[in-house]
Each structure stands twice: as structure tokens, then as C-alpha cells.
Protein backbone atom coordinates (compact mmCIF):
# COMPACT_ATOMS: atom_id res chain seq x y z
CA MET A 1 14.89 22.78 7.78
CA ARG A 2 15.77 19.11 8.05
CA VAL A 3 13.25 16.78 6.45
CA VAL A 4 13.25 13.05 6.75
CA VAL A 5 11.10 11.05 4.34
CA ILE A 6 10.29 7.45 5.25
CA GLY A 7 9.90 5.21 2.21
CA ALA A 8 11.42 5.31 -1.29
CA GLY A 9 8.25 4.56 -3.26
CA PRO A 10 6.50 6.87 -5.68
CA VAL A 11 5.21 9.29 -3.07
CA GLY A 12 8.36 9.17 -0.92
CA LEU A 13 10.63 10.18 -3.79
CA GLU A 14 8.22 12.85 -4.87
CA ALA A 15 8.13 14.16 -1.27
CA ALA A 16 11.93 14.32 -1.25
CA LEU A 17 12.08 16.11 -4.58
CA GLY A 18 9.47 18.60 -3.47
CA ALA A 19 11.17 19.28 -0.21
CA ALA A 20 14.56 19.77 -1.92
CA GLU A 21 12.96 22.06 -4.40
CA ARG A 22 11.78 24.27 -1.56
CA GLY A 23 15.25 24.45 -0.14
CA PHE A 24 14.92 21.88 2.67
CA GLU A 25 17.70 19.46 3.67
CA VAL A 26 16.35 16.04 2.78
CA THR A 27 17.10 12.44 3.77
CA VAL A 28 15.07 9.43 2.54
CA LEU A 29 15.11 6.30 4.72
CA GLU A 30 14.01 3.07 3.00
CA LYS A 31 13.97 -0.21 4.89
CA GLU A 32 14.50 -2.33 1.77
CA TRP A 33 15.33 -0.89 -1.67
CA VAL A 34 13.87 1.74 -3.95
CA GLY A 35 10.40 0.76 -5.17
CA ALA A 36 10.39 -2.48 -3.09
CA SER A 37 6.64 -2.73 -2.67
CA LEU A 38 5.93 -2.22 -6.37
CA ARG A 39 8.31 -4.99 -7.28
CA ARG A 40 6.05 -7.40 -5.43
CA TRP A 41 3.32 -6.78 -7.97
CA GLY A 42 4.81 -8.99 -10.62
CA SER A 43 3.26 -8.35 -14.01
CA THR A 44 0.23 -6.55 -12.54
CA ARG A 45 -0.20 -3.16 -14.10
CA LEU A 46 -1.18 0.12 -12.53
CA PHE A 47 -4.74 1.11 -13.40
CA SER A 48 -3.75 4.72 -14.02
CA PRO A 49 -1.51 5.81 -16.93
CA PHE A 50 1.99 7.11 -16.32
CA ALA A 51 1.03 10.75 -16.70
CA MET A 52 -1.33 10.49 -13.75
CA ASN A 53 1.31 8.99 -11.45
CA VAL A 54 4.12 11.51 -11.47
CA SER A 55 4.55 15.22 -10.99
CA ALA A 56 5.81 17.76 -13.64
CA ARG A 57 9.13 17.88 -11.85
CA THR A 58 9.57 14.13 -12.19
CA ARG A 59 8.66 14.22 -15.86
CA ALA A 60 11.33 16.91 -16.39
CA LEU A 61 14.01 15.03 -14.48
CA LEU A 62 13.41 11.84 -16.41
CA GLY A 63 13.52 13.69 -19.70
CA SER A 64 13.01 11.99 -23.01
CA GLY A 65 13.69 8.54 -21.66
CA ARG A 66 10.54 8.59 -19.55
CA PRO A 67 7.62 6.28 -20.35
CA ALA A 68 4.86 7.35 -22.67
CA ASP A 69 2.12 9.35 -20.98
CA ASP A 70 -0.47 6.65 -21.64
CA ALA A 71 1.73 3.74 -20.54
CA LEU A 72 0.25 1.38 -18.01
CA LEU A 73 3.37 0.21 -16.19
CA THR A 74 3.77 -2.93 -14.14
CA GLY A 75 4.96 -2.48 -10.58
CA PRO A 76 8.57 -3.58 -11.48
CA GLU A 77 8.56 -1.37 -14.51
CA MET A 78 7.55 1.61 -12.40
CA SER A 79 10.45 0.85 -10.08
CA GLU A 80 13.02 0.20 -12.80
CA ARG A 81 12.09 2.89 -15.37
CA VAL A 82 10.94 5.66 -13.02
CA LEU A 83 11.88 5.31 -9.34
CA GLU A 84 15.42 4.00 -9.67
CA PRO A 85 16.43 6.64 -12.27
CA LEU A 86 14.79 9.32 -10.16
CA ALA A 87 16.84 8.30 -7.11
CA ARG A 88 19.99 8.83 -9.20
CA THR A 89 19.10 12.34 -10.34
CA PRO A 90 21.12 15.24 -8.86
CA PRO A 91 18.45 16.43 -6.34
CA LEU A 92 18.28 12.96 -4.75
CA ARG A 93 21.73 11.46 -5.39
CA GLY A 94 23.29 10.62 -2.04
CA HIS A 95 20.14 11.46 -0.13
CA VAL A 96 18.36 8.05 -0.42
CA ARG A 97 19.48 5.51 2.20
CA THR A 98 18.38 1.97 1.51
CA GLY A 99 18.51 -0.77 4.15
CA HIS A 100 17.48 1.81 6.82
CA ARG A 101 14.46 0.76 8.85
CA VAL A 102 12.85 3.28 11.15
CA VAL A 103 12.30 1.55 14.52
CA ALA A 104 10.84 4.43 16.47
CA ILE A 105 10.15 8.18 16.27
CA GLY A 106 9.80 10.59 19.18
CA ARG A 107 10.59 14.13 20.15
CA ALA A 108 13.74 15.21 22.05
CA ARG A 109 13.04 15.32 25.80
CA THR A 110 9.26 14.90 25.13
CA ILE A 111 6.99 11.89 25.44
CA ARG A 112 3.63 11.41 23.87
CA ARG A 113 1.54 12.86 26.70
CA ASP A 114 3.59 16.07 27.00
CA LEU A 115 1.62 18.96 25.48
CA PRO A 116 -0.31 16.88 22.83
CA GLY A 117 -1.48 19.09 20.01
CA HIS A 118 0.41 22.08 21.30
CA PRO A 119 2.70 24.07 18.93
CA MET A 120 5.42 24.07 21.63
CA ARG A 121 6.08 20.44 20.69
CA ALA A 122 7.46 21.72 17.38
CA GLU A 123 10.28 23.50 19.23
CA ARG A 124 11.88 20.15 19.94
CA PRO A 125 13.28 18.09 17.02
CA PHE A 126 12.12 14.62 16.08
CA ARG A 127 14.43 11.84 16.98
CA LEU A 128 14.42 8.72 14.80
CA LEU A 129 15.93 5.42 15.87
CA VAL A 130 17.08 3.70 12.65
CA GLU A 131 18.26 0.17 12.15
CA THR A 132 21.02 -0.28 9.53
CA ALA A 133 23.36 -3.04 8.41
CA GLU A 134 26.06 -1.37 10.55
CA GLY A 135 23.88 -1.12 13.64
CA GLU A 136 21.48 1.37 15.11
CA GLU A 137 21.79 5.12 14.71
CA MET A 138 19.84 8.18 15.82
CA LEU A 139 18.77 10.94 13.41
CA ASP A 140 17.26 14.33 14.18
CA ALA A 141 14.74 16.05 11.95
CA ASP A 142 12.45 19.15 12.00
CA VAL A 143 9.88 17.50 9.75
CA VAL A 144 9.01 13.85 9.14
CA LEU A 145 6.98 12.76 6.09
CA ASP A 146 5.83 9.17 6.47
CA ALA A 147 5.41 7.64 3.03
CA SER A 148 5.99 4.05 4.13
CA GLY A 149 2.79 2.85 2.50
CA VAL A 150 0.69 -0.16 3.45
CA TYR A 151 1.77 -2.96 1.13
CA GLY A 152 4.09 -4.59 3.62
CA GLN A 153 1.35 -5.29 6.17
CA PRO A 154 -1.24 -7.72 4.69
CA ALA A 155 -4.61 -7.73 6.45
CA ALA A 156 -5.61 -10.93 8.25
CA LEU A 157 -7.71 -13.63 6.52
CA GLY A 158 -9.89 -14.45 9.53
CA THR A 159 -13.49 -13.31 9.96
CA GLY A 160 -13.83 -9.99 11.69
CA GLY A 161 -10.41 -8.80 10.50
CA ILE A 162 -8.37 -10.79 12.98
CA PRO A 163 -6.16 -13.82 12.27
CA ALA A 164 -8.05 -17.10 12.00
CA PRO A 165 -6.86 -19.92 14.32
CA GLY A 166 -3.80 -21.40 12.59
CA GLU A 167 -3.19 -18.40 10.34
CA ARG A 168 -0.23 -17.02 12.30
CA VAL A 169 1.51 -20.35 12.45
CA LEU A 170 0.98 -20.93 8.67
CA ASP A 171 1.61 -17.31 7.61
CA GLY A 172 4.80 -18.24 5.73
CA GLU A 173 2.84 -20.69 3.60
CA ILE A 174 0.09 -18.23 2.57
CA ILE A 175 0.66 -16.23 -0.63
CA ARG A 176 0.00 -12.50 0.16
CA HIS A 177 1.31 -10.71 -2.94
CA LEU A 178 0.65 -10.93 -6.61
CA GLY A 179 4.28 -11.29 -7.60
CA ALA A 180 4.65 -14.25 -5.28
CA LEU A 181 1.55 -15.85 -6.80
CA GLU A 182 2.92 -15.33 -10.30
CA SER A 183 6.14 -17.02 -9.31
CA ALA A 184 4.20 -19.94 -7.84
CA LEU A 185 1.97 -20.50 -10.87
CA PRO A 186 4.03 -23.31 -12.35
CA ARG A 187 3.61 -25.45 -9.28
CA LEU A 188 -0.06 -24.57 -8.89
CA ALA A 189 -1.13 -25.89 -12.29
CA GLY A 190 -3.82 -28.52 -11.79
CA ARG A 191 -3.72 -28.14 -8.00
CA ASP A 192 -6.35 -27.00 -5.50
CA VAL A 193 -6.08 -23.32 -4.55
CA LEU A 194 -8.13 -21.18 -2.16
CA LEU A 195 -8.35 -17.49 -3.10
CA VAL A 196 -9.60 -15.18 -0.35
CA GLY A 197 -10.71 -11.59 -1.01
CA HIS A 198 -12.77 -9.70 -3.58
CA GLY A 199 -10.84 -6.51 -4.26
CA HIS A 200 -8.68 -5.60 -7.28
CA SER A 201 -5.82 -7.75 -6.08
CA ALA A 202 -8.00 -10.81 -5.94
CA ALA A 203 -9.45 -9.98 -9.34
CA ASN A 204 -5.89 -9.82 -10.75
CA ALA A 205 -5.04 -13.09 -9.01
CA LEU A 206 -8.03 -14.83 -10.59
CA ALA A 207 -6.92 -13.59 -14.03
CA LEU A 208 -3.44 -15.00 -13.47
CA MET A 209 -4.76 -18.41 -12.48
CA ALA A 210 -7.35 -18.42 -15.27
CA ALA A 211 -4.45 -17.97 -17.77
CA THR A 212 -2.44 -20.95 -16.33
CA GLU A 213 -2.45 -24.29 -18.11
CA PRO A 214 -3.54 -26.57 -16.79
CA ARG A 215 -5.62 -24.35 -14.67
CA PRO A 216 -5.59 -24.66 -10.88
CA ARG A 217 -8.90 -25.74 -9.30
CA VAL A 218 -9.81 -22.48 -7.57
CA THR A 219 -12.20 -21.93 -4.76
CA TRP A 220 -12.89 -18.17 -4.43
CA ALA A 221 -14.10 -17.16 -0.95
CA VAL A 222 -15.67 -13.70 -0.89
CA ARG A 223 -17.48 -11.82 1.91
CA SER A 224 -19.88 -10.33 -0.54
CA SER A 225 -23.23 -11.97 -1.37
CA ASN A 226 -23.26 -10.41 -4.83
CA ARG A 227 -23.32 -12.44 -7.95
CA ARG A 228 -20.55 -10.03 -9.21
CA PRO A 229 -18.50 -9.60 -6.08
CA CYS A 230 -15.90 -7.04 -7.22
CA VAL A 231 -17.01 -3.41 -7.11
CA GLU A 232 -17.45 -2.03 -10.65
CA ILE A 233 -17.63 1.69 -11.48
CA ALA A 234 -20.22 2.70 -14.02
CA ASP A 235 -18.51 4.15 -17.19
CA ASP A 236 -15.16 3.65 -15.51
CA PRO A 237 -12.60 6.07 -17.09
CA LEU A 238 -9.76 3.76 -15.97
CA ALA A 239 -10.03 1.17 -18.65
CA GLU A 240 -7.61 -1.29 -17.05
CA ARG A 241 -9.55 -1.28 -13.79
CA GLN A 242 -12.79 -1.86 -15.68
CA ARG A 243 -11.27 -4.69 -17.66
CA VAL A 244 -9.84 -6.55 -14.55
CA THR A 245 -12.96 -6.23 -12.44
CA ALA A 246 -15.34 -7.12 -15.26
CA ALA A 247 -13.34 -10.23 -16.18
CA ALA A 248 -13.31 -11.47 -12.55
CA ASN A 249 -17.04 -10.71 -12.12
CA ASP A 250 -17.88 -12.53 -15.42
CA LEU A 251 -16.13 -15.61 -14.07
CA ALA A 252 -17.93 -15.36 -10.69
CA ALA A 253 -21.31 -14.91 -12.34
CA GLU A 254 -20.98 -17.91 -14.62
CA PRO A 255 -18.18 -20.06 -12.99
CA PRO A 256 -16.26 -22.26 -15.44
CA SER A 257 -15.30 -25.79 -14.45
CA PHE A 258 -12.09 -24.71 -12.71
CA LEU A 259 -13.79 -22.19 -10.39
CA LYS A 260 -16.12 -22.48 -7.42
CA VAL A 261 -17.31 -19.34 -5.67
CA GLU A 262 -18.14 -19.35 -1.96
CA ARG A 263 -20.12 -16.21 -1.09
CA ARG A 264 -20.57 -14.81 2.44
CA ALA A 265 -17.56 -16.84 3.37
CA GLY A 266 -14.84 -16.15 5.85
CA VAL A 267 -11.81 -18.10 7.00
CA GLU A 268 -12.64 -19.66 10.34
CA SER A 269 -9.56 -21.77 10.76
CA LEU A 270 -6.45 -23.24 8.99
CA ARG A 271 -4.49 -26.30 9.79
CA ARG A 272 -2.08 -28.65 8.13
CA GLN A 273 -3.46 -31.95 6.88
CA ASP A 274 -1.24 -34.50 5.18
CA GLY A 275 1.07 -31.87 3.76
CA ARG A 276 -1.83 -29.66 2.58
CA LEU A 277 -3.92 -26.90 4.22
CA ALA A 278 -7.40 -27.63 5.59
CA VAL A 279 -9.46 -24.49 5.74
CA ALA A 280 -12.91 -23.94 7.30
CA LEU A 281 -15.02 -21.29 5.64
CA GLY A 282 -18.06 -21.30 7.95
CA ALA A 283 -21.52 -22.82 7.60
CA GLY A 284 -20.00 -26.23 7.13
CA ARG A 285 -18.05 -25.19 4.06
CA GLY A 286 -14.35 -25.49 3.34
CA GLY A 287 -11.84 -27.94 1.91
CA VAL A 288 -8.28 -29.11 1.71
CA PHE A 289 -6.04 -27.06 -0.50
CA ASP A 290 -2.51 -27.15 -1.81
CA THR A 291 -2.14 -23.35 -1.51
CA VAL A 292 -3.97 -20.46 0.04
CA VAL A 293 -3.82 -17.03 -1.64
CA GLY A 294 -4.88 -14.35 0.85
CA LEU A 295 -5.55 -10.93 -0.79
CA THR A 296 -7.76 -9.25 1.78
CA GLY A 297 -6.19 -5.79 1.74
CA TYR A 298 -3.36 -4.09 3.59
CA ARG A 299 -3.01 -1.91 6.59
CA PRO A 300 -0.50 0.78 7.76
CA ASP A 301 2.31 -0.02 10.16
CA LEU A 302 1.84 2.25 13.19
CA SER A 303 4.25 0.36 15.38
CA PHE A 304 7.08 2.93 15.22
CA LEU A 305 4.81 5.97 15.83
CA GLY A 306 3.76 5.18 19.38
CA GLU A 307 5.46 8.23 20.95
CA LEU A 308 3.90 10.75 18.56
CA ALA A 309 0.68 12.53 19.47
CA ILE A 310 -0.96 11.77 16.12
CA GLU A 311 -4.61 11.50 15.40
CA VAL A 312 -5.38 8.10 13.79
CA SER A 313 -8.75 7.27 12.20
CA PRO A 314 -10.51 4.52 14.16
CA ALA A 315 -11.87 3.16 10.93
CA SER A 316 -9.04 3.48 8.37
CA GLU A 317 -5.99 3.45 10.70
CA GLY A 318 -4.74 6.30 8.51
CA ALA A 319 -4.69 10.04 9.12
CA ALA A 320 -7.90 10.92 11.02
CA ARG A 321 -8.49 14.38 9.57
CA LEU A 322 -8.00 13.21 6.01
CA ALA A 323 -10.37 10.28 6.66
CA ARG A 324 -13.05 12.70 7.80
CA ALA A 325 -12.50 14.84 4.68
CA VAL A 326 -13.03 11.93 2.31
CA VAL A 327 -15.47 9.90 4.35
CA ASN A 328 -18.21 9.79 1.72
CA VAL A 329 -15.98 9.17 -1.29
CA THR A 330 -16.49 5.78 -2.93
CA ASP A 331 -14.17 6.06 -5.93
CA CYS A 332 -10.53 7.13 -6.07
CA LEU A 333 -11.17 9.41 -9.08
CA SER A 334 -13.70 11.52 -7.16
CA VAL A 335 -11.56 12.41 -4.14
CA PRO A 336 -12.02 16.17 -3.61
CA ALA A 337 -9.25 18.66 -3.09
CA VAL A 338 -8.50 19.05 0.58
CA GLY A 339 -6.95 21.87 2.50
CA PRO A 340 -3.85 22.03 4.77
CA ALA A 341 -5.88 21.55 7.93
CA ASP A 342 -7.25 18.25 6.58
CA LEU A 343 -3.69 17.00 6.17
CA GLU A 344 -2.44 17.79 9.61
CA SER A 345 -1.71 14.89 11.92
CA GLY A 346 -2.05 16.47 15.32
CA GLU A 347 1.75 16.25 15.71
CA PRO A 348 3.40 19.50 14.42
CA GLY A 349 5.79 18.74 11.60
CA PHE A 350 4.70 15.09 11.10
CA HIS A 351 2.55 14.02 8.19
CA MET A 352 1.44 10.67 6.78
CA VAL A 353 1.47 11.03 2.99
CA GLY A 354 0.55 8.81 0.10
CA ALA A 355 -1.14 5.45 0.67
CA LYS A 356 -0.35 5.40 4.36
CA SER A 357 -2.44 8.51 4.94
CA TYR A 358 -5.47 6.61 3.56
CA GLY A 359 -4.70 3.57 5.72
CA ARG A 360 -7.26 0.85 4.86
CA LEU A 361 -9.46 3.10 2.68
CA PRO A 362 -9.69 1.74 -0.90
CA THR A 363 -9.90 5.19 -2.47
CA PHE A 364 -6.21 6.11 -2.71
CA LEU A 365 -4.94 7.13 -6.15
CA LEU A 366 -1.43 8.41 -6.87
CA ARG A 367 -2.78 11.52 -8.58
CA ALA A 368 -4.70 12.56 -5.49
CA GLY A 369 -1.79 11.61 -3.23
CA LEU A 370 0.62 13.85 -5.17
CA ARG A 371 -1.76 16.75 -5.10
CA GLN A 372 -2.21 16.34 -1.32
CA LEU A 373 1.61 16.08 -0.93
CA GLU A 374 2.09 19.49 -2.68
CA THR A 375 -0.39 20.99 -0.23
CA VAL A 376 1.65 19.61 2.72
CA LEU A 377 4.92 20.87 1.23
CA ASP A 378 3.53 24.36 0.52
CA SER A 379 2.23 24.56 4.10
CA LEU A 380 5.66 23.60 5.52
CA ALA A 381 7.38 26.09 3.28
CA ALA A 382 5.06 28.82 4.45
CA ARG A 383 5.99 28.13 8.08
CA ALA A 384 9.74 27.84 7.50
């Protein structure tokens, strides 16, 4: 059975290893380089320790040189110490193709409306149009595991989830990733910065700017009306998550001189003004800033899946059946075990796995993603 895995991040490489372990012929297609998304994190650490983020097979392949079980790795460290060595191990060596971007996926001699949901679709192989440095090529596969993640598609800043007027024109001037913010900190010292978003990325961003001397003058725009805008988990077992969110909320609750918090705020418009960015936040609020940091979440890229008869959740934009299975879950540590049927996509042989399967849901955790991946692989092996 020919298996193509899209994405060479943590779940993509685990998917390839698991497929190879079950005797499948595996190819990994990565549009950039191994661990590219994690490298954009800068010094931000994973909330979960190393032992929660890899499978037993990965631990064995990395051997004694692997990180300590309780290590909280940064994104780049996860890439350099785990993913890159993993891609060089015998099961994956020569099977990971970087610089290969999947442009479109379909079925041979079959379009989306032909027999949707019918097992007869599985009788025709997938066809993947792939863009490479040498040009386009077509690959065939019996199974496609889409582990392309969500980090490459930042959500819009505008109210209602759509781009604000001026946002698309100024997109290249908006900081969307923590690593880019960290690189920009020297030029932001003592300047005016607008931070948009109140999730964990925004909390980390605030910590980075609070540690800069001289500090930037930060306006923090959050949709929440809460005095402590970042969601905190009571008795959180993930100490790093608890530390980051509590620190951000402490600053919001009693803002120091460098910080102003705008609650129930949304970006209404952006425009250039004398070399800076003028931003309206609604209700007469806003200001002129040297930099805008937009950390409002991320969403999956569905653009290359248009000819597949997949079921997409109208709320999360991820896998519809999985979304229904975890609909009432509010914390990533409490995601229940799900069965094979919950991980089906509606298109035989195609599965979203990892963060992409959760789409815009905030409850993805690597540990749960790896458990769900094993369920998918076991199901495929049973049908082979």
C-alpha cells in the first residue's frame, strides 16, 4: 500500500514511521523543511514535556541522545534535536522530500461529486499534483495522511474573523509568529506596539515584550471582557501553560505603566499614517503604532482538497466527525479516546491527522494526536 504523508512536523514524521512499521510504502511531502512551523516559535517552549510529545518508537530510534523525558523544548529545539535526527533514521531516510508543495489532490478519473462517501471511490488511487524546485510532478497513492498543520495560515485580525479593511494590503508588515516577534524585539524597544489576541501565543508575546528593555509601550486588544482575559485551567497539570497564562493575566489585571488593555476590542481598520500604522479598535478607540502583532489563532489550509469528498466541520474547519466527538471538550488534557469511525473523513483512505484534524479548535495536544494517529494506522492496516 502506497502512503503519502503531507507535512514533516511531529505528527507527519510519526505517521510515516507508523506506516512504515506496518509494512506500507511511505513518502513524506514537506513544502518547506523538516519542522518548519516549529522553527517559527523562537524561544517559546512547548507546554507539554518531551515524553508526552513522541511515541515509544521515536524514543527508541533517537536512543540515548534523546532529550530528557521532562524537558520542555522550544520549537527550534524540537526540530533540531528530535525531528531532523528522526528524518535521518533508517525507516525514513530517503523518504522525506522537502521543498515539495502539494497543490491539489484528487482521485484518478473521479471528481468530487462522483459517488461521494461510497467505498468504490477507494478503488481508484489518489493523484497528487506536487510543486517542486524542478517543476510539477504527479504522484499516485492509495492512502493520504494530511499532517500539514495550521501554523502557516494565521487567522485574520478583523472583527467577525474576516480581514479588516487595510489588513490584506499591510499583511507583510504585521507580525504573525512568535519567532518573528522575538527577532524584532531590538527595534521595538521603547516603541508603540499593538498586540491583538488573548490565547497562549498572545500571552507568550506579552512575556517577551515585558522582558525587553526599554519596554515597548504595548496596547493589548482582546475580545474578552474578563479582567484576566487568558483562559486559565484550575490546578493545571501543565506547569508551563499555567505559568505563561497566569503571568499574562496578572499583567492585564493590574497593568504596569508600559501596558494598556483594551477589552471587547476588535480591529476595525488599518492604514499607514506617516510611516506608522493607524488602527481603529471600535467604539472610538485605537491609536497609531509602530508595529502590530496579530496572534488571533490559525486555521487549516483546505485549498488543495477541493476535489476530495471530505466532511469538514462548519465550526472548526477541521475533520467533521472528530469535531463532533470532542465538541464538549474544553481542555486538551481531557480529550477522550475516539474510535476509528470518529477519525474517518468521508473520503476512503484520506485522513487529516494532528493539529489539522482539529482545525481551529484550541484543544489539540500532541499526546492525543499521536493516540488518534495510531487508531488511524491500525484501521488502515486492518483493511490492507
